Amino acid sequence: MSSSQLDQRIVAVKPITVPAPGRSVELQVKVTAPLSGQNLPVIVFSHGNAWSLDGYEPLVDRWAAAGFIVVQPTHLDSRRNGIEWDDPRFATIWRVRIADLHAVLDGLGDILRQAGGLETRVDHERIAIVGHSWGAQTAGAILGARVLDTDGVSGEDFSHSAVTAGALIAATGTGDTLTSFAAEHLPFMRPDYSTMTTPTLVVAGGKDQSQLSTRGPEWFTDAYHLSPSPKSLLAIAEGEHTLGGLAGERVAETTDEDPVRVALVADTISAYLHDAFKLDDATWTALNNAAAAGDGTWSITSK
């Protein structure tokens, strides 16, 4: 990503309430966008467990500076809603998360109107979905992944026709190695990636050891290896679950603080989406060349 693209001024509007009938708490979103530019592509971003529309600024601001309109909903599992593991609503939050993204995608025109007239500057043909951690599983459902039941039967199709590309950051792997805690509290964490046909970039950290699986960091590459092409994988050797601090600077859960790593994740996703949307392939090509010529601290593979 060139420095001129990342010097662009951005603006954020929040909160915007989105119609979501039957939801126990209002669905609200934040919209971040460049101050200038037309025909802007869109990223709808799904946060990790307990976060909100106020998180992930290091990612979101960088995407907006690179020319994207970014829409961030606050899901029910946000800390501000106080829904804990033992809350009866928790068992269905994974479905509400997916419904949140559908509500945002279906109501995008009205959301952008309320965000200062952005509906006249958007490219409705270029919409991506991105998520981190639990948000990556949520985003994966929109991209075509399904959830296996305890008998291994693939569940319903939650994909959305408006979405033509995506990125999954630290997406959970298959459910056959869940820890007892995860099996009890997160039984929906059994993704079937064989149906995820939408072009997707998977981002995984080489030191991301999950407490939810008995497998090692390669668990987070399942979304790449078990889905049909076209797919790409950004593997960051020293990356842990927050990949340098995606959710914010010096947040408590970051174990591998590294702003350069966060910028790499943000810029690789921007470049991938620009290429997938056929807007610009030069930056994606340059990143692939840099990875091939680099020291192995990060790599890009594609199929």
Foldseek 3Di string as FASTA:
>chain_A
DDVQLQVFDKDKDDWDFFDDPPDPDTKTKMKMAGPDAAAAAEEEEEEAAQAANPWQCLQVSRLRSNGYIYIYIGFCRHVVNVQDLPHPCLLCSLVVLLSSVVRCLVCVLVVCCVVPHCNRRHNQQQYEYEYAESRLVSSQLQLFKFFAAPVRDTDDRSHDPSHQEYEYEQYAAADPFFDPVCVVRPVRSHIQQQGREHEYEYEFEQQAQDPGGPDGRCRSCRNPVRYDDFYKYKYAHHAYRCQQPSTDAPDPPDPRHDSVRNVVVSQQRSQVSCVSVVNDNVSNVVVQVCQVPDDPSIHMDGD
